[in-house]
Amino acid sequence: MIRTRVALLAVILASASALDAQTKVSRGLHLNSDGAVRIYNLGGSVRVIGWNRDSVAVRGSIGRGSELHMGGGPQGVKMFVEDMDERNPAPANLEIYVPAKAKVWVKTATAGIEVSSVSGSLDLYVVSGPIKVTGDPADVNAEAIDGSIRIAGSPSWVRAKSASGDVSFEGKSGDITMSTVSGKIDVRGSRFEKAKFESVTGNISFNGSFERGGITKFDTHSGMIDLGVSGAADFDVVSISGTIANKLTLKRPIAGRYGRGSELVTESGDGGTRVEVRSFKGQVLLRPAGK
């Protein structure tokens, strides 16, 4: 009982110390509705929210002794957190309101990035934190090393890349490329006209439909490719040393041309969009969406 009380007291004191070590910040600047915003923060979190005002407002907290530098003009605003110890930065948690049509650039180390209600362009970079985007930005470029990337909405153009993190998309996009080395790729959506999904060892899961006249490519070395498809498509599937299971059409896979693996050429509906699937030794599954 005594040990439990001591441990609880230690947690309370640590939490109080962490709160005491934080400094509240509140800043604002005028920015044109289509202006640019650049944000740099090593650790903590960055949350960007689009609003219908020609201004940028920053709320949140930074480590005591750290400084939030912010400046610029109507065309562009830049801000960054300068920490007393860059090797062990204190977390800075920032909530930033920007004009909905603004062009937003964010770079962090371990700080997670979350963006919502922004219809302008997004450039997001993180080392080990997560990236989350919701809404309908004009385009999204998101890169992470160990972090995950999650995008939900209808951006016209998407590029999302992670080394070991999972990458997911839910919504609609006419031009999308997503890749990861060891993480998983999970895609749920429609209107894919030009699309490419790549992994090395991670699994790829797809549930959705394709735009007529487009081309979509799936590529992995050893991950499984699970395609749940609705609508029409022409499929060209090759697994060099893996297997292909077709539950979408009546066509059966044949042995690979080099005496191993499997190949499948088939059509669902009346075709009209090309889907290329390539795997070195991973399993490929074709099935109706939702089944």
C-alpha atoms as a PDB file:
ATOM      1  CA  MET A   1       0.000   0.000   0.000  1.00  0.00           C
ATOM      2  CA  ILE A   2       2.817   2.410   0.937  1.00  0.00           C
ATOM      3  CA  ARG A   3       4.668   1.632  -2.299  1.00  0.00           C
ATOM      4  CA  THR A   4       1.495   2.257  -4.297  1.00  0.00           C
ATOM      5  CA  ARG A   5       0.987   5.651  -2.654  1.00  0.00           C
ATOM      6  CA  VAL A   6       4.611   6.599  -3.247  1.00  0.00           C
ATOM      7  CA  ALA A   7       4.355   5.630  -6.918  1.00  0.00           C
ATOM      8  CA  LEU A   8       1.114   7.587  -7.312  1.00  0.00           C
ATOM      9  CA  LEU A   9       2.673  10.653  -5.663  1.00  0.00           C
ATOM     10  CA  ALA A  10       5.653  10.399  -8.024  1.00  0.00           C
ATOM     11  CA  VAL A  11       3.313  10.377 -11.047  1.00  0.00           C
ATOM     12  CA  ILE A  12       1.413  13.426  -9.742  1.00  0.00           C
ATOM     13  CA  LEU A  13       4.619  15.345  -9.060  1.00  0.00           C
ATOM     14  CA  ALA A  14       6.014  14.454 -12.498  1.00  0.00           C
ATOM     15  CA  SER A  15       2.807  15.634 -14.170  1.00  0.00           C
ATOM     16  CA  ALA A  16       2.840  18.869 -12.196  1.00  0.00           C
ATOM     17  CA  SER A  17       6.486  19.421 -13.059  1.00  0.00           C
ATOM     18  CA  ALA A  18       5.749  18.888 -16.768  1.00  0.00           C
ATOM     19  CA  LEU A  19       2.901  21.419 -16.612  1.00  0.00           C
ATOM     20  CA  ASP A  20       5.084  23.929 -14.800  1.00  0.00           C
ATOM     21  CA  ALA A  21       7.724  23.516 -17.487  1.00  0.00           C
ATOM     22  CA  GLN A  22       5.322  24.704 -20.195  1.00  0.00           C
ATOM     23  CA  THR A  23       4.713  28.278 -21.360  1.00  0.00           C
ATOM     24  CA  LYS A  24       1.430  29.269 -22.998  1.00  0.00           C
ATOM     25  CA  VAL A  25       1.607  30.978 -26.387  1.00  0.00           C
ATOM     26  CA  SER A  26      -0.956  33.014 -28.313  1.00  0.00           C
ATOM     27  CA  ARG A  27      -0.021  34.835 -31.525  1.00  0.00           C
ATOM     28  CA  GLY A  28      -1.729  36.118 -34.653  1.00  0.00           C
ATOM     29  CA  LEU A  29      -0.801  37.628 -38.034  1.00  0.00           C
ATOM     30  CA  HIS A  30      -2.659  38.785 -41.144  1.00  0.00           C
ATOM     31  CA  LEU A  31      -2.368  36.462 -44.167  1.00  0.00           C
ATOM     32  CA  ASN A  32      -4.043  36.527 -47.571  1.00  0.00           C
ATOM     33  CA  SER A  33      -6.622  33.810 -48.183  1.00  0.00           C
ATOM     34  CA  ASP A  34      -4.224  32.010 -50.582  1.00  0.00           C
ATOM     35  CA  GLY A  35      -1.017  32.797 -48.695  1.00  0.00           C
ATOM     36  CA  ALA A  36       1.664  30.335 -47.598  1.00  0.00           C
ATOM     37  CA  VAL A  37       2.389  29.044 -44.093  1.00  0.00           C
ATOM     38  CA  ARG A  38       5.638  27.322 -43.063  1.00  0.00           C
ATOM     39  CA  ILE A  39       5.811  25.553 -39.690  1.00  0.00           C
ATOM     40  CA  TYR A  40       8.826  23.885 -38.075  1.00  0.00           C
ATOM     41  CA  ASN A  41       8.610  22.095 -34.725  1.00  0.00           C
ATOM     42  CA  LEU A  42      10.852  19.288 -33.457  1.00  0.00           C
ATOM     43  CA  GLY A  43       8.733  17.592 -30.796  1.00  0.00           C
ATOM     44  CA  GLY A  44       5.224  17.618 -29.384  1.00  0.00           C
ATOM     45  CA  SER A  45       2.359  18.110 -31.835  1.00  0.00           C
ATOM     46  CA  VAL A  46       1.214  20.376 -34.658  1.00  0.00           C
ATOM     47  CA  ARG A  47      -2.472  20.687 -35.433  1.00  0.00           C
ATOM     48  CA  VAL A  48      -3.460  22.836 -38.431  1.00  0.00           C
ATOM     49  CA  ILE A  49      -7.098  23.836 -38.987  1.00  0.00           C
ATOM     50  CA  GLY A  50      -8.494  25.774 -41.933  1.00  0.00           C
ATOM     51  CA  TRP A  51     -10.915  28.635 -41.252  1.00  0.00           C
ATOM     52  CA  ASN A  52     -12.696  31.396 -43.184  1.00  0.00           C
ATOM     53  CA  ARG A  53     -10.494  34.288 -42.040  1.00  0.00           C
ATOM     54  CA  ASP A  54      -7.563  36.100 -43.648  1.00  0.00           C
ATOM     55  CA  SER A  55      -5.272  35.504 -40.718  1.00  0.00           C
ATOM     56  CA  VAL A  56      -3.133  32.979 -38.874  1.00  0.00           C
ATOM     57  CA  ALA A  57      -3.730  32.319 -35.172  1.00  0.00           C
ATOM     58  CA  VAL A  58      -1.452  30.200 -32.986  1.00  0.00           C
ATOM     59  CA  ARG A  59      -2.455  28.746 -29.621  1.00  0.00           C
ATOM     60  CA  GLY A  60      -0.722  26.191 -27.456  1.00  0.00           C
ATOM     61  CA  SER A  61       2.277  25.658 -25.205  1.00  0.00           C
ATOM     62  CA  ILE A  62       6.044  25.385 -25.549  1.00  0.00           C
ATOM     63  CA  GLY A  63       8.781  24.283 -23.187  1.00  0.00           C
ATOM     64  CA  ARG A  64       9.827  26.855 -20.619  1.00  0.00           C
ATOM     65  CA  GLY A  65      12.898  28.607 -21.988  1.00  0.00           C
ATOM     66  CA  SER A  66      11.933  27.819 -25.599  1.00  0.00           C
ATOM     67  CA  GLU A  67      10.854  30.543 -28.010  1.00  0.00           C
ATOM     68  CA  LEU A  68       8.229  30.639 -30.735  1.00  0.00           C
ATOM     69  CA  HIS A  69       9.486  32.772 -33.607  1.00  0.00           C
ATOM     70  CA  MET A  70       6.798  33.965 -35.993  1.00  0.00           C
ATOM     71  CA  GLY A  71       6.813  36.553 -38.744  1.00  0.00           C
ATOM     72  CA  GLY A  72       5.997  37.385 -42.334  1.00  0.00           C
ATOM     73  CA  GLY A  73       3.492  39.372 -44.357  1.00  0.00           C
ATOM     74  CA  PRO A  74       0.220  39.013 -46.272  1.00  0.00           C
ATOM     75  CA  GLN A  75       1.804  36.630 -48.808  1.00  0.00           C
ATOM     76  CA  GLY A  76       3.436  34.268 -46.360  1.00  0.00           C
ATOM     77  CA  VAL A  77       3.996  33.479 -42.693  1.00  0.00           C
ATOM     78  CA  LYS A  78       6.790  31.415 -41.144  1.00  0.00           C
ATOM     79  CA  MET A  79       7.067  30.086 -37.609  1.00  0.00           C
ATOM     80  CA  PHE A  80       9.415  27.786 -35.721  1.00  0.00           C
ATOM     81  CA  VAL A  81      10.122  26.744 -32.157  1.00  0.00           C
ATOM     82  CA  GLU A  82      13.673  27.357 -30.942  1.00  0.00           C
ATOM     83  CA  ASP A  83      14.528  25.064 -28.047  1.00  0.00           C
ATOM     84  CA  MET A  84      17.251  25.597 -25.468  1.00  0.00           C
ATOM     85  CA  ASP A  85      18.488  22.024 -26.022  1.00  0.00           C
ATOM     86  CA  GLU A  86      18.025  20.892 -29.624  1.00  0.00           C
ATOM     87  CA  ARG A  87      19.315  17.401 -28.785  1.00  0.00           C
ATOM     88  CA  ASN A  88      16.580  16.928 -26.176  1.00  0.00           C
ATOM     89  CA  PRO A  89      13.858  19.359 -27.211  1.00  0.00           C
ATOM     90  CA  ALA A  90      10.965  20.038 -24.870  1.00  0.00           C
ATOM     91  CA  PRO A  91       7.615  19.205 -26.496  1.00  0.00           C
ATOM     92  CA  ALA A  92       5.750  22.097 -28.091  1.00  0.00           C
ATOM     93  CA  ASN A  93       2.050  21.566 -28.731  1.00  0.00           C
ATOM     94  CA  LEU A  94       0.692  24.020 -31.281  1.00  0.00           C
ATOM     95  CA  GLU A  95      -2.809  24.538 -32.653  1.00  0.00           C
ATOM     96  CA  ILE A  96      -2.656  26.748 -35.733  1.00  0.00           C
ATOM     97  CA  TYR A  97      -5.613  28.243 -37.589  1.00  0.00           C
ATOM     98  CA  VAL A  98      -4.901  29.205 -41.208  1.00  0.00           C
ATOM     99  CA  PRO A  99      -7.006  30.477 -44.134  1.00  0.00           C
ATOM    100  CA  ALA A 100      -8.733  27.457 -45.682  1.00  0.00           C
ATOM    101  CA  LYS A 101      -7.101  28.049 -49.094  1.00  0.00           C
ATOM    102  CA  ALA A 102      -3.598  28.526 -47.694  1.00  0.00           C
ATOM    103  CA  LYS A 103      -0.585  26.528 -48.850  1.00  0.00           C
ATOM    104  CA  VAL A 104       0.781  24.734 -45.792  1.00  0.00           C
ATOM    105  CA  TRP A 105       4.283  23.287 -45.200  1.00  0.00           C
ATOM    106  CA  VAL A 106       5.055  21.464 -41.941  1.00  0.00           C
ATOM    107  CA  LYS A 107       8.247  19.724 -40.871  1.00  0.00           C
ATOM    108  CA  THR A 108       8.806  17.938 -37.540  1.00  0.00           C
ATOM    109  CA  ALA A 109      11.025  15.311 -35.931  1.00  0.00           C
ATOM    110  CA  THR A 110       8.861  13.432 -33.425  1.00  0.00           C
ATOM    111  CA  ALA A 111       5.882  15.783 -33.338  1.00  0.00           C
ATOM    112  CA  GLY A 112       2.695  14.385 -34.817  1.00  0.00           C
ATOM    113  CA  ILE A 113       1.033  16.400 -37.605  1.00  0.00           C
ATOM    114  CA  GLU A 114      -2.723  16.725 -38.023  1.00  0.00           C
ATOM    115  CA  VAL A 115      -4.368  18.849 -40.727  1.00  0.00           C
ATOM    116  CA  SER A 116      -8.091  19.393 -41.297  1.00  0.00           C
ATOM    117  CA  SER A 117     -10.393  21.660 -43.349  1.00  0.00           C
ATOM    118  CA  VAL A 118      -7.584  23.002 -45.564  1.00  0.00           C
ATOM    119  CA  SER A 119      -8.350  23.171 -49.314  1.00  0.00           C
ATOM    120  CA  GLY A 120      -4.921  24.454 -50.393  1.00  0.00           C
ATOM    121  CA  SER A 121      -1.717  22.469 -50.972  1.00  0.00           C
ATOM    122  CA  LEU A 122      -0.107  20.426 -48.186  1.00  0.00           C
ATOM    123  CA  ASP A 123       3.575  19.476 -47.803  1.00  0.00           C
ATOM    124  CA  LEU A 124       4.090  17.434 -44.630  1.00  0.00           C
ATOM    125  CA  TYR A 125       7.322  15.841 -43.367  1.00  0.00           C
ATOM    126  CA  VAL A 126       7.972  13.903 -40.151  1.00  0.00           C
ATOM    127  CA  VAL A 127      10.641  11.528 -38.863  1.00  0.00           C
ATOM    128  CA  SER A 128       8.804   9.348 -36.350  1.00  0.00           C
ATOM    129  CA  GLY A 129       5.470  10.971 -35.596  1.00  0.00           C
ATOM    130  CA  PRO A 130       2.118  10.228 -37.260  1.00  0.00           C
ATOM    131  CA  ILE A 131       0.578  12.298 -40.053  1.00  0.00           C
ATOM    132  CA  LYS A 132      -3.210  12.630 -40.332  1.00  0.00           C
ATOM    133  CA  VAL A 133      -5.064  14.608 -43.021  1.00  0.00           C
ATOM    134  CA  THR A 134      -8.842  15.009 -43.259  1.00  0.00           C
ATOM    135  CA  GLY A 135     -10.762  17.091 -45.765  1.00  0.00           C
ATOM    136  CA  ASP A 136     -10.341  18.003 -49.416  1.00  0.00           C
ATOM    137  CA  PRO A 137      -6.968  19.676 -49.987  1.00  0.00           C
ATOM    138  CA  ALA A 138      -5.951  20.432 -53.573  1.00  0.00           C
ATOM    139  CA  ASP A 139      -2.928  18.164 -53.218  1.00  0.00           C
ATOM    140  CA  VAL A 140      -1.068  16.298 -50.478  1.00  0.00           C
ATOM    141  CA  ASN A 141       2.614  15.396 -50.282  1.00  0.00           C
ATOM    142  CA  ALA A 142       3.294  13.489 -47.039  1.00  0.00           C
ATOM    143  CA  GLU A 143       6.548  11.752 -46.055  1.00  0.00           C
ATOM    144  CA  ALA A 144       7.539   9.878 -42.893  1.00  0.00           C
ATOM    145  CA  ILE A 145      10.418   7.616 -41.895  1.00  0.00           C
ATOM    146  CA  ASP A 146       8.961   5.668 -38.962  1.00  0.00           C
ATOM    147  CA  GLY A 147       5.616   7.410 -38.746  1.00  0.00           C
ATOM    148  CA  SER A 148       2.245   6.386 -40.115  1.00  0.00           C
ATOM    149  CA  ILE A 149       0.300   8.388 -42.699  1.00  0.00           C
ATOM    150  CA  ARG A 150      -3.496   8.525 -42.756  1.00  0.00           C
ATOM    151  CA  ILE A 151      -5.457  10.514 -45.337  1.00  0.00           C
ATOM    152  CA  ALA A 152      -9.256  10.731 -45.507  1.00  0.00           C
ATOM    153  CA  GLY A 153     -11.033  12.952 -48.016  1.00  0.00           C
ATOM    154  CA  SER A 154     -10.966  13.866 -51.701  1.00  0.00           C
ATOM    155  CA  PRO A 155      -7.643  15.458 -52.633  1.00  0.00           C
ATOM    156  CA  SER A 156      -7.058  15.661 -56.390  1.00  0.00           C
ATOM    157  CA  TRP A 157      -3.391  14.633 -56.099  1.00  0.00           C
ATOM    158  CA  VAL A 158      -1.723  12.504 -53.387  1.00  0.00           C
ATOM    159  CA  ARG A 159       1.829  11.371 -52.714  1.00  0.00           C
ATOM    160  CA  ALA A 160       2.359   9.492 -49.435  1.00  0.00           C
ATOM    161  CA  LYS A 161       5.559   7.673 -48.508  1.00  0.00           C
ATOM    162  CA  SER A 162       6.789   5.971 -45.318  1.00  0.00           C
ATOM    163  CA  ALA A 163       9.657   3.607 -44.559  1.00  0.00           C
ATOM    164  CA  SER A 164       8.285   1.497 -41.705  1.00  0.00           C
ATOM    165  CA  GLY A 165       4.956   3.167 -40.966  1.00  0.00           C
ATOM    166  CA  ASP A 166       1.503   2.174 -42.212  1.00  0.00           C
ATOM    167  CA  VAL A 167      -0.068   4.245 -44.988  1.00  0.00           C
ATOM    168  CA  SER A 168      -3.830   4.495 -45.469  1.00  0.00           C
ATOM    169  CA  PHE A 169      -6.285   6.366 -47.669  1.00  0.00           C
ATOM    170  CA  GLU A 170     -10.062   6.624 -47.593  1.00  0.00           C
ATOM    171  CA  GLY A 171     -11.985   8.702 -50.116  1.00  0.00           C
ATOM    172  CA  LYS A 172     -11.573   9.750 -53.753  1.00  0.00           C
ATOM    173  CA  SER A 173      -8.540  10.815 -55.788  1.00  0.00           C
ATOM    174  CA  GLY A 174      -7.775  10.929 -59.485  1.00  0.00           C
ATOM    175  CA  ASP A 175      -3.974  10.786 -59.092  1.00  0.00           C
ATOM    176  CA  ILE A 176      -2.474   8.939 -56.133  1.00  0.00           C
ATOM    177  CA  THR A 177       0.812   7.203 -55.284  1.00  0.00           C
ATOM    178  CA  MET A 178       1.410   5.520 -51.929  1.00  0.00           C
ATOM    179  CA  SER A 179       4.466   3.526 -50.857  1.00  0.00           C
ATOM    180  CA  THR A 180       6.014   1.918 -47.790  1.00  0.00           C
ATOM    181  CA  VAL A 181       8.861  -0.497 -47.107  1.00  0.00           C
ATOM    182  CA  SER A 182       7.661  -2.649 -44.204  1.00  0.00           C
ATOM    183  CA  GLY A 183       4.389  -0.969 -43.247  1.00  0.00           C
ATOM    184  CA  LYS A 184       0.913  -1.823 -44.515  1.00  0.00           C
ATOM    185  CA  ILE A 185      -1.044  -0.017 -47.204  1.00  0.00           C
ATOM    186  CA  ASP A 186      -4.812   0.184 -46.722  1.00  0.00           C
ATOM    187  CA  VAL A 187      -6.933   1.867 -49.420  1.00  0.00           C
ATOM    188  CA  ARG A 188     -10.709   2.323 -49.426  1.00  0.00           C
ATOM    189  CA  GLY A 189     -12.227   4.550 -52.049  1.00  0.00           C
ATOM    190  CA  SER A 190     -13.207   5.269 -55.630  1.00  0.00           C
ATOM    191  CA  ARG A 191     -12.517   7.388 -58.709  1.00  0.00           C
ATOM    192  CA  PHE A 192      -8.934   6.100 -58.968  1.00  0.00           C
ATOM    193  CA  GLU A 193      -7.774   7.042 -62.465  1.00  0.00           C
ATOM    194  CA  LYS A 194      -3.986   7.124 -62.141  1.00  0.00           C
ATOM    195  CA  ALA A 195      -2.844   5.212 -59.079  1.00  0.00           C
ATOM    196  CA  LYS A 196       0.182   3.299 -57.811  1.00  0.00           C
ATOM    197  CA  PHE A 197       0.579   1.375 -54.547  1.00  0.00           C
ATOM    198  CA  GLU A 198       3.976  -0.109 -53.640  1.00  0.00           C
ATOM    199  CA  SER A 199       5.497  -2.010 -50.714  1.00  0.00           C
ATOM    200  CA  VAL A 200       8.514  -4.239 -50.091  1.00  0.00           C
ATOM    201  CA  THR A 201       7.417  -6.555 -47.279  1.00  0.00           C
ATOM    202  CA  GLY A 202       4.195  -4.861 -46.217  1.00  0.00           C
ATOM    203  CA  ASN A 203       0.721  -6.082 -47.174  1.00  0.00           C
ATOM    204  CA  ILE A 204      -1.484  -4.080 -49.535  1.00  0.00           C
ATOM    205  CA  SER A 205      -5.251  -4.048 -48.994  1.00  0.00           C
ATOM    206  CA  PHE A 206      -7.633  -2.375 -51.459  1.00  0.00           C
ATOM    207  CA  ASN A 207     -11.407  -2.002 -51.392  1.00  0.00           C
ATOM    208  CA  GLY A 208     -12.936   0.209 -54.043  1.00  0.00           C
ATOM    209  CA  SER A 209     -13.428   0.996 -57.718  1.00  0.00           C
ATOM    210  CA  PHE A 210     -11.516   2.501 -60.617  1.00  0.00           C
ATOM    211  CA  GLU A 211     -12.269   5.334 -63.029  1.00  0.00           C
ATOM    212  CA  ARG A 212     -12.905   4.162 -66.580  1.00  0.00           C
ATOM    213  CA  GLY A 213      -9.948   4.682 -68.927  1.00  0.00           C
ATOM    214  CA  GLY A 214      -7.378   4.854 -66.136  1.00  0.00           C
ATOM    215  CA  ILE A 215      -4.485   2.681 -64.999  1.00  0.00           C
ATOM    216  CA  THR A 216      -3.716   1.414 -61.496  1.00  0.00           C
ATOM    217  CA  LYS A 217      -0.613  -0.503 -60.414  1.00  0.00           C
ATOM    218  CA  PHE A 218       0.031  -2.669 -57.352  1.00  0.00           C
ATOM    219  CA  ASP A 219       3.600  -3.814 -56.664  1.00  0.00           C
ATOM    220  CA  THR A 220       5.224  -5.720 -53.778  1.00  0.00           C
ATOM    221  CA  HIS A 221       8.160  -8.016 -53.128  1.00  0.00           C
ATOM    222  CA  SER A 222       6.794 -10.312 -50.443  1.00  0.00           C
ATOM    223  CA  GLY A 223       3.684  -8.689 -49.026  1.00  0.00           C
ATOM    224  CA  MET A 224       0.180  -9.977 -49.718  1.00  0.00           C
ATOM    225  CA  ILE A 225      -1.984  -8.031 -52.182  1.00  0.00           C
ATOM    226  CA  ASP A 226      -5.679  -8.244 -51.297  1.00  0.00           C
ATOM    227  CA  LEU A 227      -7.905  -6.546 -53.900  1.00  0.00           C
ATOM    228  CA  GLY A 228     -11.607  -6.076 -53.176  1.00  0.00           C
ATOM    229  CA  VAL A 229     -13.036  -4.624 -56.390  1.00  0.00           C
ATOM    230  CA  SER A 230     -16.372  -3.181 -57.425  1.00  0.00           C
ATOM    231  CA  GLY A 231     -17.120  -2.116 -60.981  1.00  0.00           C
ATOM    232  CA  ALA A 232     -15.333  -2.893 -64.221  1.00  0.00           C
ATOM    233  CA  ALA A 233     -11.611  -3.464 -64.775  1.00  0.00           C
ATOM    234  CA  ASP A 234      -9.091  -5.382 -66.911  1.00  0.00           C
ATOM    235  CA  PHE A 235      -6.604  -7.290 -64.738  1.00  0.00           C
ATOM    236  CA  ASP A 236      -3.059  -8.372 -65.556  1.00  0.00           C
ATOM    237  CA  VAL A 237      -1.695 -10.241 -62.529  1.00  0.00           C
ATOM    238  CA  VAL A 238       1.726 -11.880 -62.093  1.00  0.00           C
ATOM    239  CA  SER A 239       3.287 -13.474 -58.998  1.00  0.00           C
ATOM    240  CA  ILE A 240       6.785 -14.788 -59.764  1.00  0.00           C
ATOM    241  CA  SER A 241       6.862 -17.418 -57.021  1.00  0.00           C
ATOM    242  CA  GLY A 242       3.633 -16.808 -55.108  1.00  0.00           C
ATOM    243  CA  THR A 243       0.023 -17.838 -55.643  1.00  0.00           C
ATOM    244  CA  ILE A 244      -3.011 -16.089 -57.113  1.00  0.00           C
ATOM    245  CA  ALA A 245      -6.530 -16.679 -55.824  1.00  0.00           C
ATOM    246  CA  ASN A 246      -9.352 -15.357 -58.023  1.00  0.00           C
ATOM    247  CA  LYS A 247     -12.777 -15.013 -56.388  1.00  0.00           C
ATOM    248  CA  LEU A 248     -13.820 -12.109 -58.590  1.00  0.00           C
ATOM    249  CA  THR A 249     -14.319 -13.807 -61.976  1.00  0.00           C
ATOM    250  CA  LEU A 250     -14.534 -17.349 -63.354  1.00  0.00           C
ATOM    251  CA  LYS A 251     -11.067 -17.217 -64.935  1.00  0.00           C
ATOM    252  CA  ARG A 252      -8.474 -19.465 -63.285  1.00  0.00           C
ATOM    253  CA  PRO A 253      -4.784 -18.571 -62.878  1.00  0.00           C
ATOM    254  CA  ILE A 254      -2.222 -20.459 -64.935  1.00  0.00           C
ATOM    255  CA  ALA A 255       1.325 -21.539 -64.126  1.00  0.00           C
ATOM    256  CA  GLY A 256       3.969 -18.877 -64.525  1.00  0.00           C
ATOM    257  CA  ARG A 257       5.892 -18.710 -67.761  1.00  0.00           C
ATOM    258  CA  TYR A 258       9.113 -19.769 -66.023  1.00  0.00           C
ATOM    259  CA  GLY A 259       7.620 -22.867 -64.470  1.00  0.00           C
ATOM    260  CA  ARG A 260       6.806 -21.316 -61.123  1.00  0.00           C
ATOM    261  CA  GLY A 261       4.408 -18.823 -59.663  1.00  0.00           C
ATOM    262  CA  SER A 262       1.105 -17.848 -61.279  1.00  0.00           C
ATOM    263  CA  GLU A 263      -0.332 -15.524 -63.901  1.00  0.00           C
ATOM    264  CA  LEU A 264      -3.845 -14.290 -64.534  1.00  0.00           C
ATOM    265  CA  VAL A 265      -5.437 -12.142 -67.220  1.00  0.00           C
ATOM    266  CA  THR A 266      -9.122 -11.494 -66.618  1.00  0.00           C
ATOM    267  CA  GLU A 267     -11.890  -8.922 -66.895  1.00  0.00           C
ATOM    268  CA  SER A 268     -14.641  -7.877 -64.514  1.00  0.00           C
ATOM    269  CA  GLY A 269     -17.737  -6.219 -65.953  1.00  0.00           C
ATOM    270  CA  ASP A 270     -17.047  -4.749 -69.391  1.00  0.00           C
ATOM    271  CA  GLY A 271     -13.501  -3.714 -68.473  1.00  0.00           C
ATOM    272  CA  GLY A 272     -12.364  -0.253 -69.403  1.00  0.00           C
ATOM    273  CA  THR A 273      -9.603   0.460 -66.871  1.00  0.00           C
ATOM    274  CA  ARG A 274      -6.276  -1.362 -66.622  1.00  0.00           C
ATOM    275  CA  VAL A 275      -5.111  -2.858 -63.336  1.00  0.00           C
ATOM    276  CA  GLU A 276      -1.564  -4.272 -63.177  1.00  0.00           C
ATOM    277  CA  VAL A 277      -0.563  -6.420 -60.199  1.00  0.00           C
ATOM    278  CA  ARG A 278       3.036  -7.546 -59.665  1.00  0.00           C
ATOM    279  CA  SER A 279       4.384  -9.607 -56.781  1.00  0.00           C
ATOM    280  CA  PHE A 280       7.656 -11.466 -56.444  1.00  0.00           C
ATOM    281  CA  LYS A 281       6.627 -14.022 -53.828  1.00  0.00           C
ATOM    282  CA  GLY A 282       3.572 -12.619 -52.097  1.00  0.00           C
ATOM    283  CA  GLN A 283       0.066 -14.018 -52.442  1.00  0.00           C
ATOM    284  CA  VAL A 284      -2.485 -12.143 -54.581  1.00  0.00           C
ATOM    285  CA  LEU A 285      -6.220 -12.308 -53.916  1.00  0.00           C
ATOM    286  CA  LEU A 286      -8.943 -10.890 -56.205  1.00  0.00           C
ATOM    287  CA  ARG A 287     -12.441 -10.676 -54.704  1.00  0.00           C
ATOM    288  CA  PRO A 288     -15.611  -8.578 -54.802  1.00  0.00           C
ATOM    289  CA  ALA A 289     -15.372  -5.497 -52.593  1.00  0.00           C
ATOM    290  CA  GLY A 290     -16.690  -6.051 -49.091  1.00  0.00           C
ATOM    291  CA  LYS A 291     -16.330  -9.838 -49.218  1.00  0.00           C
END
